[in-house]
PDB file of N, CA and C in Angstrom:
ATOM      1  N   MET A   1     194.548 330.820 136.693  1.00  0.00           N
ATOM      2  CA  MET A   1     195.244 330.021 136.118  1.00  0.00           C
ATOM      3  C   MET A   1     195.745 329.211 136.966  1.00  0.00           C
ATOM      4  N   TRP A   2     197.197 329.744 138.087  1.00  0.00           N
ATOM      5  CA  TRP A   2     198.055 328.807 138.712  1.00  0.00           C
ATOM      6  C   TRP A   2     197.185 328.533 140.027  1.00  0.00           C
ATOM      7  N   SER A   3     196.800 327.504 140.714  1.00  0.00           N
ATOM      8  CA  SER A   3     196.253 327.673 141.988  1.00  0.00           C
ATOM      9  C   SER A   3     197.162 327.512 142.924  1.00  0.00           C
ATOM     10  N   GLN A   4     196.617 327.694 144.250  1.00  0.00           N
ATOM     11  CA  GLN A   4     197.686 328.034 145.186  1.00  0.00           C
ATOM     12  C   GLN A   4     198.566 326.890 145.563  1.00  0.00           C
ATOM     13  N   GLU A   5     197.740 325.646 145.270  1.00  0.00           N
ATOM     14  CA  GLU A   5     198.718 324.267 145.647  1.00  0.00           C
ATOM     15  C   GLU A   5     199.822 323.546 144.667  1.00  0.00           C
ATOM     16  N   GLY A   6     199.292 324.285 143.402  1.00  0.00           N
ATOM     17  CA  GLY A   6     200.522 324.382 142.179  1.00  0.00           C
ATOM     18  C   GLY A   6     201.882 324.994 142.752  1.00  0.00           C
ATOM     19  N   ILE A   7     201.277 326.429 142.690  1.00  0.00           N
ATOM     20  CA  ILE A   7     202.651 327.695 142.961  1.00  0.00           C
ATOM     21  C   ILE A   7     203.315 326.877 144.025  1.00  0.00           C
ATOM     22  N   PHE A   8     202.609 326.227 145.531  1.00  0.00           N
ATOM     23  CA  PHE A   8     203.846 326.115 146.171  1.00  0.00           C
ATOM     24  C   PHE A   8     203.985 324.756 146.406  1.00  0.00           C
ATOM     25  N   LYS A   9     203.879 323.724 145.465  1.00  0.00           N
ATOM     26  CA  LYS A   9     204.505 322.569 145.058  1.00  0.00           C
ATOM     27  C   LYS A   9     205.642 323.292 143.856  1.00  0.00           C
ATOM     28  N   ILE A  10     205.413 323.957 143.274  1.00  0.00           N
ATOM     29  CA  ILE A  10     206.561 324.263 142.529  1.00  0.00           C
ATOM     30  C   ILE A  10     207.787 325.201 143.430  1.00  0.00           C
ATOM     31  N   ILE A  11     207.571 325.718 144.717  1.00  0.00           N
ATOM     32  CA  ILE A  11     208.554 326.553 144.935  1.00  0.00           C
ATOM     33  C   ILE A  11     208.920 325.458 145.903  1.00  0.00           C
ATOM     34  N   PHE A  12     208.409 324.574 146.634  1.00  0.00           N
ATOM     35  CA  PHE A  12     208.958 323.857 147.456  1.00  0.00           C
ATOM     36  C   PHE A  12     209.906 322.840 147.153  1.00  0.00           C
ATOM     37  N   SER A  13     209.791 322.484 145.456  1.00  0.00           N
ATOM     38  CA  SER A  13     210.697 321.491 145.038  1.00  0.00           C
ATOM     39  C   SER A  13     211.726 322.581 144.907  1.00  0.00           C
ATOM     40  N   LEU A  14     211.504 323.669 144.414  1.00  0.00           N
ATOM     41  CA  LEU A  14     212.969 324.758 143.853  1.00  0.00           C
ATOM     42  C   LEU A  14     213.245 324.794 145.195  1.00  0.00           C
ATOM     43  N   ALA A  15     213.044 324.457 146.432  1.00  0.00           N
ATOM     44  CA  ALA A  15     213.542 324.945 148.204  1.00  0.00           C
ATOM     45  C   ALA A  15     214.594 323.803 148.225  1.00  0.00           C
ATOM     46  N   ILE A  16     213.686 322.525 148.115  1.00  0.00           N
ATOM     47  CA  ILE A  16     214.198 321.186 148.458  1.00  0.00           C
ATOM     48  C   ILE A  16     215.750 321.259 147.349  1.00  0.00           C
ATOM     49  N   VAL A  17     215.555 321.570 146.365  1.00  0.00           N
ATOM     50  CA  VAL A  17     216.972 321.228 145.190  1.00  0.00           C
ATOM     51  C   VAL A  17     217.769 322.207 145.776  1.00  0.00           C
ATOM     52  N   MET A  18     217.527 323.744 146.174  1.00  0.00           N
ATOM     53  CA  MET A  18     218.552 324.743 146.443  1.00  0.00           C
ATOM     54  C   MET A  18     219.264 324.374 148.058  1.00  0.00           C
ATOM     55  N   PHE A  19     218.120 323.454 148.789  1.00  0.00           N
ATOM     56  CA  PHE A  19     218.802 322.802 149.808  1.00  0.00           C
ATOM     57  C   PHE A  19     219.934 321.648 149.414  1.00  0.00           C
ATOM     58  N   ALA A  20     219.502 321.029 148.700  1.00  0.00           N
ATOM     59  CA  ALA A  20     220.051 319.829 148.008  1.00  0.00           C
ATOM     60  C   ALA A  20     221.953 320.236 147.799  1.00  0.00           C
ATOM     61  N   LEU A  21     221.307 321.320 147.041  1.00  0.00           N
ATOM     62  CA  LEU A  21     222.904 322.318 145.983  1.00  0.00           C
ATOM     63  C   LEU A  21     223.742 322.708 147.260  1.00  0.00           C
ATOM     64  N   VAL A  22     223.066 323.155 148.059  1.00  0.00           N
ATOM     65  CA  VAL A  22     223.804 324.097 149.678  1.00  0.00           C
ATOM     66  C   VAL A  22     224.682 322.870 149.831  1.00  0.00           C
ATOM     67  N   MET A  23     223.996 321.856 150.814  1.00  0.00           N
ATOM     68  CA  MET A  23     224.437 320.591 151.676  1.00  0.00           C
ATOM     69  C   MET A  23     225.946 320.048 150.413  1.00  0.00           C
ATOM     70  N   VAL A  24     225.660 319.808 149.307  1.00  0.00           N
ATOM     71  CA  VAL A  24     226.799 319.735 148.133  1.00  0.00           C
ATOM     72  C   VAL A  24     227.329 320.596 148.755  1.00  0.00           C
ATOM     73  N   GLY A  25     227.364 321.539 148.435  1.00  0.00           N
ATOM     74  CA  GLY A  25     228.675 322.353 148.520  1.00  0.00           C
ATOM     75  C   GLY A  25     229.318 322.848 149.529  1.00  0.00           C
ATOM     76  N   PHE A  26     228.474 322.523 150.683  1.00  0.00           N
ATOM     77  CA  PHE A  26     228.867 322.348 151.895  1.00  0.00           C
ATOM     78  C   PHE A  26     230.167 321.223 152.342  1.00  0.00           C
ATOM     79  N   PHE A  27     229.772 319.918 151.859  1.00  0.00           N
ATOM     80  CA  PHE A  27     230.203 319.130 151.605  1.00  0.00           C
ATOM     81  C   PHE A  27     231.631 318.999 151.018  1.00  0.00           C
ATOM     82  N   LEU A  28     231.590 320.073 149.929  1.00  0.00           N
ATOM     83  CA  LEU A  28     233.022 319.609 149.372  1.00  0.00           C
ATOM     84  C   LEU A  28     233.744 321.101 149.673  1.00  0.00           C
ATOM     85  N   LEU A  29     233.167 321.575 150.449  1.00  0.00           N
ATOM     86  CA  LEU A  29     234.134 322.870 150.958  1.00  0.00           C
ATOM     87  C   LEU A  29     234.892 322.285 152.198  1.00  0.00           C
ATOM     88  N   GLY A  30     234.179 321.667 153.022  1.00  0.00           N
ATOM     89  CA  GLY A  30     234.504 320.921 153.796  1.00  0.00           C
ATOM     90  C   GLY A  30     235.754 319.475 153.666  1.00  0.00           C
ATOM     91  N   ILE A  31     235.427 319.070 152.460  1.00  0.00           N
ATOM     92  CA  ILE A  31     236.748 318.273 152.082  1.00  0.00           C
ATOM     93  C   ILE A  31     237.930 318.959 151.270  1.00  0.00           C
ATOM     94  N   LYS A  32     237.538 320.131 150.926  1.00  0.00           N
ATOM     95  CA  LYS A  32     238.490 321.152 150.103  1.00  0.00           C
ATOM     96  C   LYS A  32     239.409 321.750 151.801  1.00  0.00           C
ATOM     97  N   ILE A  33     238.629 322.017 152.636  1.00  0.00           N
ATOM     98  CA  ILE A  33     239.259 322.853 153.887  1.00  0.00           C
ATOM     99  C   ILE A  33     240.257 321.315 154.552  1.00  0.00           C
ATOM    100  N   ILE A  34     239.810 320.401 154.621  1.00  0.00           N
ATOM    101  CA  ILE A  34     240.317 319.180 155.159  1.00  0.00           C
ATOM    102  C   ILE A  34     241.693 318.522 154.090  1.00  0.00           C
ATOM    103  N   LEU A  35     241.478 318.882 153.382  1.00  0.00           N
ATOM    104  CA  LEU A  35     242.337 318.217 152.326  1.00  0.00           C
ATOM    105  C   LEU A  35     243.692 319.869 151.917  1.00  0.00           C
ATOM    106  N   LEU A  36     243.817 320.702 152.479  1.00  0.00           N
ATOM    107  CA  LEU A  36     244.468 321.467 152.950  1.00  0.00           C
ATOM    108  C   LEU A  36     245.395 321.063 154.021  1.00  0.00           C
ATOM    109  N   PHE A  37     245.038 320.007 154.900  1.00  0.00           N
ATOM    110  CA  PHE A  37     245.996 319.722 156.474  1.00  0.00           C
ATOM    111  C   PHE A  37     245.916 318.183 156.365  1.00  0.00           C
ATOM    112  N   GLN A  38     245.487 317.842 155.254  1.00  0.00           N
ATOM    113  CA  GLN A  38     245.886 316.321 154.936  1.00  0.00           C
ATOM    114  C   GLN A  38     246.131 315.786 153.473  1.00  0.00           C
ATOM    115  N   PRO A  39     247.159 314.622 153.360  1.00  0.00           N
ATOM    116  CA  PRO A  39     247.427 314.736 152.027  1.00  0.00           C
ATOM    117  C   PRO A  39     246.047 313.665 151.142  1.00  0.00           C
ATOM    118  N   THR A  40     245.619 312.928 152.110  1.00  0.00           N
ATOM    119  CA  THR A  40     244.592 311.972 151.540  1.00  0.00           C
ATOM    120  C   THR A  40     243.508 311.877 152.754  1.00  0.00           C
ATOM    121  N   ILE A  41     242.081 311.654 152.293  1.00  0.00           N
ATOM    122  CA  ILE A  41     240.785 311.515 152.929  1.00  0.00           C
ATOM    123  C   ILE A  41     240.720 309.710 152.132  1.00  0.00           C
ATOM    124  N   ASP A  42     240.100 309.173 153.414  1.00  0.00           N
ATOM    125  CA  ASP A  42     239.502 307.818 153.038  1.00  0.00           C
ATOM    126  C   ASP A  42     237.963 308.068 153.801  1.00  0.00           C
ATOM    127  N   PHE A  43     237.102 308.437 153.187  1.00  0.00           N
ATOM    128  CA  PHE A  43     235.606 308.914 153.561  1.00  0.00           C
ATOM    129  C   PHE A  43     234.579 307.873 152.975  1.00  0.00           C
ATOM    130  N   ILE A  44     234.328 306.487 153.714  1.00  0.00           N
ATOM    131  CA  ILE A  44     233.014 305.887 153.083  1.00  0.00           C
ATOM    132  C   ILE A  44     233.759 304.876 152.165  1.00  0.00           C
ATOM    133  N   GLY A  45     234.879 304.385 152.160  1.00  0.00           N
ATOM    134  CA  GLY A  45     235.283 303.801 150.843  1.00  0.00           C
ATOM    135  C   GLY A  45     236.095 304.759 150.024  1.00  0.00           C
ATOM    136  N   LEU A  46     235.604 305.678 149.508  1.00  0.00           N
ATOM    137  CA  LEU A  46     236.041 306.695 148.632  1.00  0.00           C
ATOM    138  C   LEU A  46     237.505 307.284 149.331  1.00  0.00           C
ATOM    139  N   HIS A  47     238.648 307.197 148.518  1.00  0.00           N
ATOM    140  CA  HIS A  47     239.985 307.996 148.686  1.00  0.00           C
ATOM    141  C   HIS A  47     240.351 308.580 147.524  1.00  0.00           C
ATOM    142  N   ILE A  48     240.110 309.872 148.720  1.00  0.00           N
ATOM    143  CA  ILE A  48     240.341 311.672 147.964  1.00  0.00           C
ATOM    144  C   ILE A  48     241.900 311.609 148.197  1.00  0.00           C
ATOM    145  N   THR A  49     242.674 312.211 147.280  1.00  0.00           N
ATOM    146  CA  THR A  49     244.265 312.817 147.446  1.00  0.00           C
ATOM    147  C   THR A  49     243.817 314.374 146.729  1.00  0.00           C
ATOM    148  N   HIS A  50     244.879 315.086 147.470  1.00  0.00           N
ATOM    149  CA  HIS A  50     245.039 316.522 146.779  1.00  0.00           C
ATOM    150  C   HIS A  50     245.871 316.352 145.564  1.00  0.00           C
ATOM    151  N   LEU A  51     245.315 316.993 144.537  1.00  0.00           N
ATOM    152  CA  LEU A  51     245.917 316.925 143.321  1.00  0.00           C
ATOM    153  C   LEU A  51     246.770 318.064 143.134  1.00  0.00           C
TER     154      LEU A  51
END
């Protein structure tokens, strides 16, 4: 029913999505840690403040 190629494509796409979510999580965690010590962050034109 399922070919090996189809299963591989599904697992590979899920792995890419999970990797992207983990990278976004680390980025947000890094911003959170930086905001503990800095009141504002200017990152690529984005002005982030601690609320």
